[in-house]
């Protein structure tokens, strides 16, 4: 017959730890929460496909929502650190941050 493997010598039910600081944990949750909505995620995808910053006026038609709904979603993305926002006269232009680019790249590694 075969040999029996020795029992696992690791301690069972010991405390689990991680090396992520509380501030980093909060920033990560804010970033992930910012993208965790179909409208906000679609806006991220649209911005990633664009060649440079996009005027907010172009986005409502692209996602089929009102200007106020898109504005609210963009504010959430901005607060989460996923988009930059630049004002030029009465228009606001949005672009992805490096964090958003890294997130999308991670999500689309199988493409």
PDB file of N, CA and C in Angstrom:
ATOM      1  N   UNK A   1       0.832  -1.169   0.000  1.00  0.00           N
ATOM      2  CA  UNK A   1       0.000   0.000   0.000  1.00  0.00           C
ATOM      3  C   UNK A   1       0.882   1.238   0.000  1.00  0.00           C
ATOM      4  N   UNK A   2       0.277   2.388  -0.254  1.00  0.00           N
ATOM      5  CA  UNK A   2       1.007   3.641  -0.308  1.00  0.00           C
ATOM      6  C   UNK A   2       1.364   4.153   1.071  1.00  0.00           C
ATOM      7  N   UNK A   3       2.245   5.132   1.090  1.00  0.00           N
ATOM      8  CA  UNK A   3       2.620   5.724   2.372  1.00  0.00           C
ATOM      9  C   UNK A   3       1.622   6.798   2.746  1.00  0.00           C
ATOM     10  N   UNK A   4       1.470   6.989   4.010  1.00  0.00           N
ATOM     11  CA  UNK A   4       0.563   8.011   4.511  1.00  0.00           C
ATOM     12  C   UNK A   4       1.340   9.302   4.700  1.00  0.00           C
ATOM     13  N   UNK A   5       0.756  10.392   4.201  1.00  0.00           N
ATOM     14  CA  UNK A   5       1.395  11.695   4.371  1.00  0.00           C
ATOM     15  C   UNK A   5       1.271  12.122   5.827  1.00  0.00           C
ATOM     16  N   UNK A   6       2.298  12.781   6.357  1.00  0.00           N
ATOM     17  CA  UNK A   6       2.190  13.267   7.740  1.00  0.00           C
ATOM     18  C   UNK A   6       1.152  14.390   7.809  1.00  0.00           C
ATOM     19  N   UNK A   7       0.537  14.554   8.950  1.00  0.00           N
ATOM     20  CA  UNK A   7      -0.442  15.634   9.078  1.00  0.00           C
ATOM     21  C   UNK A   7       0.223  16.988   8.885  1.00  0.00           C
ATOM     22  N   UNK A   8      -0.573  17.930   8.412  1.00  0.00           N
ATOM     23  CA  UNK A   8      -0.079  19.296   8.210  1.00  0.00           C
ATOM     24  C   UNK A   8       0.371  19.840   9.557  1.00  0.00           C
ATOM     25  N   UNK A   9       1.584  20.370   9.601  1.00  0.00           N
ATOM     26  CA  UNK A   9       2.122  20.852  10.873  1.00  0.00           C
ATOM     27  C   UNK A   9       1.851  22.334  11.091  1.00  0.00           C
ATOM     28  N   UNK A  10       1.127  22.971  10.161  1.00  0.00           N
ATOM     29  CA  UNK A  10       0.785  24.378  10.365  1.00  0.00           C
ATOM     30  C   UNK A  10      -0.191  24.518  11.512  1.00  0.00           C
ATOM     31  N   UNK A  11      -0.123  25.608  12.166  1.00  0.00           N
ATOM     32  CA  UNK A  11      -1.053  25.878  13.245  1.00  0.00           C
ATOM     33  C   UNK A  11      -2.434  26.153  12.661  1.00  0.00           C
ATOM     34  N   UNK A  12      -3.405  25.503  13.195  1.00  0.00           N
ATOM     35  CA  UNK A  12      -4.782  25.699  12.731  1.00  0.00           C
ATOM     36  C   UNK A  12      -5.434  26.795  13.556  1.00  0.00           C
ATOM     37  N   UNK A  13      -6.237  27.576  12.906  1.00  0.00           N
ATOM     38  CA  UNK A  13      -7.054  28.584  13.572  1.00  0.00           C
ATOM     39  C   UNK A  13      -6.238  29.689  14.231  1.00  0.00           C
ATOM     40  N   UNK A  14      -5.050  29.918  13.725  1.00  0.00           N
ATOM     41  CA  UNK A  14      -4.252  31.014  14.240  1.00  0.00           C
ATOM     42  C   UNK A  14      -4.725  32.327  13.638  1.00  0.00           C
ATOM     43  N   UNK A  15      -4.290  33.439  14.155  1.00  0.00           N
ATOM     44  CA  UNK A  15      -4.720  34.728  13.622  1.00  0.00           C
ATOM     45  C   UNK A  15      -4.148  34.978  12.228  1.00  0.00           C
ATOM     46  N   UNK A  16      -4.983  35.504  11.361  1.00  0.00           N
ATOM     47  CA  UNK A  16      -4.543  35.888  10.020  1.00  0.00           C
ATOM     48  C   UNK A  16      -4.133  37.348  10.048  1.00  0.00           C
ATOM     49  N   UNK A  17      -3.120  37.683   9.293  1.00  0.00           N
ATOM     50  CA  UNK A  17      -2.660  39.064   9.225  1.00  0.00           C
ATOM     51  C   UNK A  17      -2.414  39.441   7.779  1.00  0.00           C
ATOM     52  N   UNK A  18      -2.315  40.729   7.532  1.00  0.00           N
ATOM     53  CA  UNK A  18      -1.942  41.252   6.222  1.00  0.00           C
ATOM     54  C   UNK A  18      -1.029  42.440   6.459  1.00  0.00           C
ATOM     55  N   UNK A  19      -0.348  42.848   5.419  1.00  0.00           N
ATOM     56  CA  UNK A  19       0.610  43.932   5.577  1.00  0.00           C
ATOM     57  C   UNK A  19       0.129  45.232   4.928  1.00  0.00           C
ATOM     58  N   UNK A  20      -1.176  45.386   4.771  1.00  0.00           N
ATOM     59  CA  UNK A  20      -1.732  46.597   4.180  1.00  0.00           C
ATOM     60  C   UNK A  20      -2.100  47.561   5.303  1.00  0.00           C
ATOM     61  N   UNK A  21      -1.564  48.757   5.232  1.00  0.00           N
ATOM     62  CA  UNK A  21      -1.857  49.773   6.243  1.00  0.00           C
ATOM     63  C   UNK A  21      -3.317  50.200   6.154  1.00  0.00           C
ATOM     64  N   UNK A  22      -3.864  50.659   7.265  1.00  0.00           N
ATOM     65  CA  UNK A  22      -5.268  51.079   7.306  1.00  0.00           C
ATOM     66  C   UNK A  22      -5.579  52.148   6.261  1.00  0.00           C
ATOM     67  N   UNK A  23      -4.656  53.072   6.058  1.00  0.00           N
ATOM     68  CA  UNK A  23      -4.876  54.137   5.081  1.00  0.00           C
ATOM     69  C   UNK A  23      -4.948  53.571   3.666  1.00  0.00           C
ATOM     70  N   UNK A  24      -4.072  52.599   3.364  1.00  0.00           N
ATOM     71  CA  UNK A  24      -4.078  51.976   2.045  1.00  0.00           C
ATOM     72  C   UNK A  24      -5.327  51.137   1.859  1.00  0.00           C
ATOM     73  N   UNK A  25      -5.739  50.451   2.885  1.00  0.00           N
ATOM     74  CA  UNK A  25      -6.956  49.654   2.832  1.00  0.00           C
ATOM     75  C   UNK A  25      -8.157  50.550   2.525  1.00  0.00           C
ATOM     76  N   UNK A  26      -8.258  51.685   3.199  1.00  0.00           N
ATOM     77  CA  UNK A  26      -9.353  52.624   2.960  1.00  0.00           C
ATOM     78  C   UNK A  26      -9.310  53.181   1.543  1.00  0.00           C
ATOM     79  N   UNK A  27      -8.107  53.495   1.049  1.00  0.00           N
ATOM     80  CA  UNK A  27      -7.966  54.014  -0.316  1.00  0.00           C
ATOM     81  C   UNK A  27      -8.364  52.957  -1.343  1.00  0.00           C
ATOM     82  N   UNK A  28      -7.979  51.714  -1.109  1.00  0.00           N
ATOM     83  CA  UNK A  28      -8.341  50.633  -2.023  1.00  0.00           C
ATOM     84  C   UNK A  28      -9.848  50.422  -2.061  1.00  0.00           C
ATOM     85  N   UNK A  29     -10.480  50.434  -0.903  1.00  0.00           N
ATOM     86  CA  UNK A  29     -11.940  50.254  -0.840  1.00  0.00           C
ATOM     87  C   UNK A  29     -12.638  51.420  -1.530  1.00  0.00           C
ATOM     88  N   UNK A  30     -12.148  52.631  -1.342  1.00  0.00           N
ATOM     89  CA  UNK A  30     -12.736  53.812  -2.001  1.00  0.00           C
ATOM     90  C   UNK A  30     -12.621  53.676  -3.521  1.00  0.00           C
ATOM     91  N   UNK A  31     -11.469  53.228  -3.998  1.00  0.00           N
ATOM     92  CA  UNK A  31     -11.252  53.055  -5.428  1.00  0.00           C
ATOM     93  C   UNK A  31     -12.185  51.976  -5.990  1.00  0.00           C
ATOM     94  N   UNK A  32     -12.232  50.834  -5.331  1.00  0.00           N
ATOM     95  CA  UNK A  32     -13.080  49.752  -5.814  1.00  0.00           C
ATOM     96  C   UNK A  32     -14.561  50.108  -5.724  1.00  0.00           C
ATOM     97  N   UNK A  33     -14.956  50.788  -4.677  1.00  0.00           N
ATOM     98  CA  UNK A  33     -16.353  51.221  -4.544  1.00  0.00           C
ATOM     99  C   UNK A  33     -16.711  52.229  -5.630  1.00  0.00           C
ATOM    100  N   UNK A  34     -15.758  53.060  -5.987  1.00  0.00           N
ATOM    101  CA  UNK A  34     -16.011  54.056  -7.036  1.00  0.00           C
ATOM    102  C   UNK A  34     -16.318  53.428  -8.376  1.00  0.00           C
ATOM    103  N   UNK A  35     -15.708  52.302  -8.665  1.00  0.00           N
ATOM    104  CA  UNK A  35     -15.918  51.635  -9.951  1.00  0.00           C
ATOM    105  C   UNK A  35     -17.065  50.625  -9.905  1.00  0.00           C
ATOM    106  N   UNK A  36     -17.585  50.351  -8.717  1.00  0.00           N
ATOM    107  CA  UNK A  36     -18.549  49.262  -8.532  1.00  0.00           C
ATOM    108  C   UNK A  36     -19.991  49.691  -8.807  1.00  0.00           C
ATOM    109  N   UNK A  37     -20.213  50.157 -10.008  1.00  0.00           N
ATOM    110  CA  UNK A  37     -21.544  50.574 -10.455  1.00  0.00           C
ATOM    111  C   UNK A  37     -21.506  50.513 -11.971  1.00  0.00           C
ATOM    112  N   UNK A  38     -22.573  50.032 -12.592  1.00  0.00           N
ATOM    113  CA  UNK A  38     -22.524  49.850 -14.044  1.00  0.00           C
ATOM    114  C   UNK A  38     -22.301  51.156 -14.794  1.00  0.00           C
ATOM    115  N   UNK A  39     -22.910  52.237 -14.359  1.00  0.00           N
ATOM    116  CA  UNK A  39     -22.725  53.527 -15.040  1.00  0.00           C
ATOM    117  C   UNK A  39     -21.292  54.020 -14.878  1.00  0.00           C
ATOM    118  N   UNK A  40     -20.789  53.987 -13.662  1.00  0.00           N
ATOM    119  CA  UNK A  40     -19.428  54.471 -13.430  1.00  0.00           C
ATOM    120  C   UNK A  40     -18.410  53.605 -14.164  1.00  0.00           C
ATOM    121  N   UNK A  41     -18.632  52.303 -14.159  1.00  0.00           N
ATOM    122  CA  UNK A  41     -17.705  51.417 -14.869  1.00  0.00           C
ATOM    123  C   UNK A  41     -17.763  51.677 -16.376  1.00  0.00           C
ATOM    124  N   UNK A  42     -18.952  51.883 -16.905  1.00  0.00           N
ATOM    125  CA  UNK A  42     -19.067  52.187 -18.336  1.00  0.00           C
ATOM    126  C   UNK A  42     -18.365  53.498 -18.676  1.00  0.00           C
ATOM    127  N   UNK A  43     -18.483  54.486 -17.803  1.00  0.00           N
ATOM    128  CA  UNK A  43     -17.774  55.756 -18.027  1.00  0.00           C
ATOM    129  C   UNK A  43     -16.266  55.538 -18.032  1.00  0.00           C
ATOM    130  N   UNK A  44     -15.775  54.708 -17.134  1.00  0.00           N
ATOM    131  CA  UNK A  44     -14.340  54.399 -17.133  1.00  0.00           C
ATOM    132  C   UNK A  44     -13.922  53.764 -18.448  1.00  0.00           C
ATOM    133  N   UNK A  45     -14.727  52.835 -18.953  1.00  0.00           N
ATOM    134  CA  UNK A  45     -14.405  52.190 -20.217  1.00  0.00           C
ATOM    135  C   UNK A  45     -14.421  53.182 -21.371  1.00  0.00           C
ATOM    136  N   UNK A  46     -15.399  54.090 -21.371  1.00  0.00           N
ATOM    137  CA  UNK A  46     -15.454  55.117 -22.431  1.00  0.00           C
ATOM    138  C   UNK A  46     -14.227  56.011 -22.377  1.00  0.00           C
ATOM    139  N   UNK A  47     -13.856  56.431 -21.178  1.00  0.00           N
ATOM    140  CA  UNK A  47     -12.681  57.292 -21.038  1.00  0.00           C
ATOM    141  C   UNK A  47     -11.404  56.554 -21.440  1.00  0.00           C
ATOM    142  N   UNK A  48     -11.356  55.261 -21.156  1.00  0.00           N
ATOM    143  CA  UNK A  48     -10.151  54.513 -21.520  1.00  0.00           C
ATOM    144  C   UNK A  48     -10.025  54.348 -23.035  1.00  0.00           C
ATOM    145  N   UNK A  49     -11.146  54.345 -23.726  1.00  0.00           N
ATOM    146  CA  UNK A  49     -11.132  54.183 -25.185  1.00  0.00           C
ATOM    147  C   UNK A  49     -10.881  55.502 -25.910  1.00  0.00           C
ATOM    148  N   UNK A  50     -11.018  56.609 -25.197  1.00  0.00           N
ATOM    149  CA  UNK A  50     -10.867  57.933 -25.811  1.00  0.00           C
ATOM    150  C   UNK A  50      -9.395  58.285 -25.983  1.00  0.00           C
ATOM    151  N   UNK A  51      -9.160  59.184 -26.902  1.00  0.00           N
ATOM    152  CA  UNK A  51      -7.814  59.682 -27.138  1.00  0.00           C
ATOM    153  C   UNK A  51      -7.659  60.994 -26.375  1.00  0.00           C
ATOM    154  N   UNK A  52      -7.346  60.892 -25.097  1.00  0.00           N
ATOM    155  CA  UNK A  52      -7.209  62.078 -24.264  1.00  0.00           C
ATOM    156  C   UNK A  52      -8.464  62.352 -23.462  1.00  0.00           C
ATOM    157  N   UNK A  53      -8.485  63.506 -22.813  1.00  0.00           N
ATOM    158  CA  UNK A  53      -9.598  63.893 -21.950  1.00  0.00           C
ATOM    159  C   UNK A  53     -10.877  64.069 -22.769  1.00  0.00           C
ATOM    160  N   UNK A  54     -12.011  63.807 -22.103  1.00  0.00           N
ATOM    161  CA  UNK A  54     -13.313  63.867 -22.745  1.00  0.00           C
ATOM    162  C   UNK A  54     -14.164  64.919 -22.040  1.00  0.00           C
ATOM    163  N   UNK A  55     -14.848  65.734 -22.827  1.00  0.00           N
ATOM    164  CA  UNK A  55     -15.750  66.734 -22.272  1.00  0.00           C
ATOM    165  C   UNK A  55     -16.971  66.023 -21.693  1.00  0.00           C
ATOM    166  N   UNK A  56     -17.390  66.461 -20.525  1.00  0.00           N
ATOM    167  CA  UNK A  56     -18.555  65.865 -19.870  1.00  0.00           C
ATOM    168  C   UNK A  56     -19.802  65.951 -20.731  1.00  0.00           C
ATOM    169  N   UNK A  57     -19.869  66.924 -21.607  1.00  0.00           N
ATOM    170  CA  UNK A  57     -21.051  67.089 -22.452  1.00  0.00           C
ATOM    171  C   UNK A  57     -21.225  65.943 -23.444  1.00  0.00           C
ATOM    172  N   UNK A  58     -20.154  65.194 -23.717  1.00  0.00           N
ATOM    173  CA  UNK A  58     -20.217  64.077 -24.661  1.00  0.00           C
ATOM    174  C   UNK A  58     -20.711  62.779 -24.030  1.00  0.00           C
ATOM    175  N   UNK A  59     -20.704  62.701 -22.730  1.00  0.00           N
ATOM    176  CA  UNK A  59     -20.935  61.435 -22.057  1.00  0.00           C
ATOM    177  C   UNK A  59     -22.400  61.035 -21.855  1.00  0.00           C
ATOM    178  N   UNK A  60     -23.329  61.960 -21.607  1.00  0.00           N
ATOM    179  CA  UNK A  60     -24.714  61.524 -21.391  1.00  0.00           C
ATOM    180  C   UNK A  60     -25.287  60.712 -22.550  1.00  0.00           C
ATOM    181  N   UNK A  61     -25.084  61.165 -23.753  1.00  0.00           N
ATOM    182  CA  UNK A  61     -25.597  60.432 -24.908  1.00  0.00           C
ATOM    183  C   UNK A  61     -24.912  59.075 -25.043  1.00  0.00           C
ATOM    184  N   UNK A  62     -23.629  59.027 -24.728  1.00  0.00           N
ATOM    185  CA  UNK A  62     -22.870  57.788 -24.869  1.00  0.00           C
ATOM    186  C   UNK A  62     -23.367  56.693 -23.929  1.00  0.00           C
ATOM    187  N   UNK A  63     -23.840  57.078 -22.749  1.00  0.00           N
ATOM    188  CA  UNK A  63     -24.317  56.083 -21.780  1.00  0.00           C
ATOM    189  C   UNK A  63     -25.840  56.065 -21.653  1.00  0.00           C
ATOM    190  N   UNK A  64     -26.511  56.958 -22.374  1.00  0.00           N
ATOM    191  CA  UNK A  64     -27.974  56.979 -22.362  1.00  0.00           C
ATOM    192  C   UNK A  64     -28.588  57.447 -21.059  1.00  0.00           C
ATOM    193  N   UNK A  65     -27.929  58.391 -20.406  1.00  0.00           N
ATOM    194  CA  UNK A  65     -28.424  58.929 -19.141  1.00  0.00           C
ATOM    195  C   UNK A  65     -28.470  60.447 -19.190  1.00  0.00           C
ATOM    196  N   UNK A  66     -29.140  61.023 -18.214  1.00  0.00           N
ATOM    197  CA  UNK A  66     -29.227  62.482 -18.140  1.00  0.00           C
ATOM    198  C   UNK A  66     -27.873  63.077 -17.758  1.00  0.00           C
ATOM    199  N   UNK A  67     -27.730  64.366 -18.045  1.00  0.00           N
ATOM    200  CA  UNK A  67     -26.504  65.075 -17.689  1.00  0.00           C
ATOM    201  C   UNK A  67     -26.281  65.023 -16.179  1.00  0.00           C
ATOM    202  N   UNK A  68     -27.351  65.162 -15.402  1.00  0.00           N
ATOM    203  CA  UNK A  68     -27.188  65.155 -13.945  1.00  0.00           C
ATOM    204  C   UNK A  68     -26.749  63.779 -13.436  1.00  0.00           C
ATOM    205  N   UNK A  69     -27.258  62.703 -14.019  1.00  0.00           N
ATOM    206  CA  UNK A  69     -26.840  61.355 -13.606  1.00  0.00           C
ATOM    207  C   UNK A  69     -25.373  61.122 -13.943  1.00  0.00           C
ATOM    208  N   UNK A  70     -24.959  61.568 -15.120  1.00  0.00           N
ATOM    209  CA  UNK A  70     -23.561  61.415 -15.529  1.00  0.00           C
ATOM    210  C   UNK A  70     -22.665  62.279 -14.648  1.00  0.00           C
ATOM    211  N   UNK A  71     -23.094  63.482 -14.359  1.00  0.00           N
ATOM    212  CA  UNK A  71     -22.322  64.375 -13.499  1.00  0.00           C
ATOM    213  C   UNK A  71     -22.125  63.760 -12.112  1.00  0.00           C
ATOM    214  N   UNK A  72     -23.179  63.166 -11.583  1.00  0.00           N
ATOM    215  CA  UNK A  72     -23.099  62.514 -10.273  1.00  0.00           C
ATOM    216  C   UNK A  72     -22.111  61.345 -10.318  1.00  0.00           C
ATOM    217  N   UNK A  73     -22.187  60.532 -11.365  1.00  0.00           N
ATOM    218  CA  UNK A  73     -21.279  59.393 -11.517  1.00  0.00           C
ATOM    219  C   UNK A  73     -19.830  59.864 -11.650  1.00  0.00           C
ATOM    220  N   UNK A  74     -19.614  60.919 -12.430  1.00  0.00           N
ATOM    221  CA  UNK A  74     -18.260  61.450 -12.597  1.00  0.00           C
ATOM    222  C   UNK A  74     -17.708  62.001 -11.284  1.00  0.00           C
ATOM    223  N   UNK A  75     -18.562  62.617 -10.495  1.00  0.00           N
ATOM    224  CA  UNK A  75     -18.129  63.114  -9.180  1.00  0.00           C
ATOM    225  C   UNK A  75     -17.697  61.972  -8.278  1.00  0.00           C
ATOM    226  N   UNK A  76     -18.431  60.880  -8.313  1.00  0.00           N
ATOM    227  CA  UNK A  76     -18.062  59.701  -7.520  1.00  0.00           C
ATOM    228  C   UNK A  76     -16.718  59.138  -7.995  1.00  0.00           C
ATOM    229  N   UNK A  77     -16.531  59.086  -9.314  1.00  0.00           N
ATOM    230  CA  UNK A  77     -15.264  58.598  -9.863  1.00  0.00           C
ATOM    231  C   UNK A  77     -14.116  59.514  -9.467  1.00  0.00           C
ATOM    232  N   UNK A  78     -14.365  60.813  -9.490  1.00  0.00           N
ATOM    233  CA  UNK A  78     -13.345  61.781  -9.096  1.00  0.00           C
ATOM    234  C   UNK A  78     -12.994  61.608  -7.615  1.00  0.00           C
ATOM    235  N   UNK A  79     -14.016  61.509  -6.774  1.00  0.00           N
ATOM    236  CA  UNK A  79     -13.790  61.335  -5.336  1.00  0.00           C
ATOM    237  C   UNK A  79     -13.041  60.043  -5.029  1.00  0.00           C
ATOM    238  N   UNK A  80     -13.241  59.022  -5.861  1.00  0.00           N
ATOM    239  CA  UNK A  80     -12.568  57.739  -5.663  1.00  0.00           C
ATOM    240  C   UNK A  80     -11.143  57.742  -6.201  1.00  0.00           C
ATOM    241  N   UNK A  81     -10.750  58.827  -6.877  1.00  0.00           N
ATOM    242  CA  UNK A  81      -9.397  58.901  -7.425  1.00  0.00           C
ATOM    243  C   UNK A  81      -9.228  58.156  -8.735  1.00  0.00           C
ATOM    244  N   UNK A  82     -10.341  57.953  -9.459  1.00  0.00           N
ATOM    245  CA  UNK A  82     -10.292  57.216 -10.713  1.00  0.00           C
ATOM    246  C   UNK A  82     -10.250  58.099 -11.950  1.00  0.00           C
ATOM    247  N   UNK A  83     -10.665  59.349 -11.821  1.00  0.00           N
ATOM    248  CA  UNK A  83     -10.607  60.273 -12.954  1.00  0.00           C
ATOM    249  C   UNK A  83     -10.046  61.613 -12.503  1.00  0.00           C
ATOM    250  N   UNK A  84      -9.445  62.299 -13.466  1.00  0.00           N
ATOM    251  CA  UNK A  84      -9.036  63.684 -13.244  1.00  0.00           C
ATOM    252  C   UNK A  84     -10.122  64.575 -13.814  1.00  0.00           C
ATOM    253  N   UNK A  85     -10.179  65.789 -13.337  1.00  0.00           N
ATOM    254  CA  UNK A  85     -11.199  66.723 -13.787  1.00  0.00           C
ATOM    255  C   UNK A  85     -10.535  68.075 -14.008  1.00  0.00           C
ATOM    256  N   UNK A  86     -10.731  68.623 -15.191  1.00  0.00           N
ATOM    257  CA  UNK A  86     -10.157  69.920 -15.516  1.00  0.00           C
ATOM    258  C   UNK A  86     -11.246  70.811 -16.094  1.00  0.00           C
ATOM    259  N   UNK A  87     -11.339  72.009 -15.573  1.00  0.00           N
ATOM    260  CA  UNK A  87     -12.358  72.945 -16.037  1.00  0.00           C
ATOM    261  C   UNK A  87     -11.752  73.878 -17.065  1.00  0.00           C
ATOM    262  N   UNK A  88     -12.479  74.076 -18.159  1.00  0.00           N
ATOM    263  CA  UNK A  88     -12.074  75.000 -19.209  1.00  0.00           C
ATOM    264  C   UNK A  88     -13.309  75.809 -19.586  1.00  0.00           C
ATOM    265  N   UNK A  89     -13.393  77.020 -19.049  1.00  0.00           N
ATOM    266  CA  UNK A  89     -14.594  77.817 -19.270  1.00  0.00           C
ATOM    267  C   UNK A  89     -15.766  77.160 -18.561  1.00  0.00           C
ATOM    268  N   UNK A  90     -16.820  76.890 -19.307  1.00  0.00           N
ATOM    269  CA  UNK A  90     -17.978  76.252 -18.679  1.00  0.00           C
ATOM    270  C   UNK A  90     -17.953  74.734 -18.809  1.00  0.00           C
ATOM    271  N   UNK A  91     -16.942  74.170 -19.447  1.00  0.00           N
ATOM    272  CA  UNK A  91     -16.868  72.728 -19.672  1.00  0.00           C
ATOM    273  C   UNK A  91     -15.879  72.066 -18.729  1.00  0.00           C
ATOM    274  N   UNK A  92     -16.167  70.831 -18.404  1.00  0.00           N
ATOM    275  CA  UNK A  92     -15.250  70.025 -17.595  1.00  0.00           C
ATOM    276  C   UNK A  92     -14.800  68.835 -18.433  1.00  0.00           C
ATOM    277  N   UNK A  93     -13.515  68.576 -18.365  1.00  0.00           N
ATOM    278  CA  UNK A  93     -12.914  67.478 -19.113  1.00  0.00           C
ATOM    279  C   UNK A  93     -12.416  66.423 -18.131  1.00  0.00           C
ATOM    280  N   UNK A  94     -12.673  65.172 -18.461  1.00  0.00           N
ATOM    281  CA  UNK A  94     -12.327  64.047 -17.596  1.00  0.00           C
ATOM    282  C   UNK A  94     -11.377  63.102 -18.304  1.00  0.00           C
ATOM    283  N   UNK A  95     -10.470  62.540 -17.516  1.00  0.00           N
ATOM    284  CA  UNK A  95      -9.522  61.565 -18.025  1.00  0.00           C
ATOM    285  C   UNK A  95      -9.252  60.567 -16.907  1.00  0.00           C
ATOM    286  N   UNK A  96      -8.730  59.407 -17.265  1.00  0.00           N
ATOM    287  CA  UNK A  96      -8.409  58.386 -16.271  1.00  0.00           C
ATOM    288  C   UNK A  96      -7.155  58.742 -15.497  1.00  0.00           C
ATOM    289  N   UNK A  97      -7.125  58.334 -14.253  1.00  0.00           N
ATOM    290  CA  UNK A  97      -5.910  58.436 -13.452  1.00  0.00           C
ATOM    291  C   UNK A  97      -5.093  57.165 -13.679  1.00  0.00           C
ATOM    292  N   UNK A  98      -3.830  57.176 -13.290  1.00  0.00           N
ATOM    293  CA  UNK A  98      -3.040  55.938 -13.385  1.00  0.00           C
ATOM    294  C   UNK A  98      -3.675  54.780 -12.604  1.00  0.00           C
ATOM    295  N   UNK A  99      -4.323  55.077 -11.489  1.00  0.00           N
ATOM    296  CA  UNK A  99      -4.986  54.020 -10.708  1.00  0.00           C
ATOM    297  C   UNK A  99      -6.115  53.379 -11.515  1.00  0.00           C
ATOM    298  N   UNK A 100      -6.895  54.183 -12.219  1.00  0.00           N
ATOM    299  CA  UNK A 100      -7.977  53.645 -13.046  1.00  0.00           C
ATOM    300  C   UNK A 100      -7.414  52.828 -14.202  1.00  0.00           C
ATOM    301  N   UNK A 101      -6.355  53.311 -14.810  1.00  0.00           N
ATOM    302  CA  UNK A 101      -5.722  52.569 -15.910  1.00  0.00           C
ATOM    303  C   UNK A 101      -5.224  51.214 -15.418  1.00  0.00           C
ATOM    304  N   UNK A 102      -4.618  51.192 -14.242  1.00  0.00           N
ATOM    305  CA  UNK A 102      -4.109  49.934 -13.678  1.00  0.00           C
ATOM    306  C   UNK A 102      -5.261  48.991 -13.342  1.00  0.00           C
ATOM    307  N   UNK A 103      -6.345  49.535 -12.807  1.00  0.00           N
ATOM    308  CA  UNK A 103      -7.506  48.712 -12.480  1.00  0.00           C
ATOM    309  C   UNK A 103      -8.093  48.082 -13.741  1.00  0.00           C
ATOM    310  N   UNK A 104      -8.290  48.882 -14.776  1.00  0.00           N
ATOM    311  CA  UNK A 104      -8.843  48.350 -16.020  1.00  0.00           C
ATOM    312  C   UNK A 104      -7.899  47.337 -16.661  1.00  0.00           C
ATOM    313  N   UNK A 105      -6.614  47.606 -16.598  1.00  0.00           N
ATOM    314  CA  UNK A 105      -5.644  46.668 -17.150  1.00  0.00           C
ATOM    315  C   UNK A 105      -5.700  45.338 -16.402  1.00  0.00           C
ATOM    316  N   UNK A 106      -5.823  45.403 -15.092  1.00  0.00           N
ATOM    317  CA  UNK A 106      -5.924  44.187 -14.284  1.00  0.00           C
ATOM    318  C   UNK A 106      -7.185  43.411 -14.621  1.00  0.00           C
ATOM    319  N   UNK A 107      -8.296  44.114 -14.782  1.00  0.00           N
ATOM    320  CA  UNK A 107      -9.567  43.452 -15.078  1.00  0.00           C
ATOM    321  C   UNK A 107      -9.583  42.834 -16.486  1.00  0.00           C
ATOM    322  N   UNK A 108      -8.797  43.391 -17.376  1.00  0.00           N
ATOM    323  CA  UNK A 108      -8.832  42.941 -18.773  1.00  0.00           C
ATOM    324  C   UNK A 108      -7.570  42.195 -19.184  1.00  0.00           C
ATOM    325  N   UNK A 109      -6.956  41.492 -18.259  1.00  0.00           N
ATOM    326  CA  UNK A 109      -5.729  40.771 -18.582  1.00  0.00           C
ATOM    327  C   UNK A 109      -5.956  39.608 -19.537  1.00  0.00           C
ATOM    328  N   UNK A 110      -7.183  39.107 -19.637  1.00  0.00           N
ATOM    329  CA  UNK A 110      -7.475  37.983 -20.525  1.00  0.00           C
ATOM    330  C   UNK A 110      -7.804  38.420 -21.940  1.00  0.00           C
ATOM    331  N   UNK A 111      -7.931  39.698 -22.168  1.00  0.00           N
ATOM    332  CA  UNK A 111      -8.304  40.199 -23.509  1.00  0.00           C
ATOM    333  C   UNK A 111      -7.215  39.953 -24.507  1.00  0.00           C
TER     334      UNK A 111
END
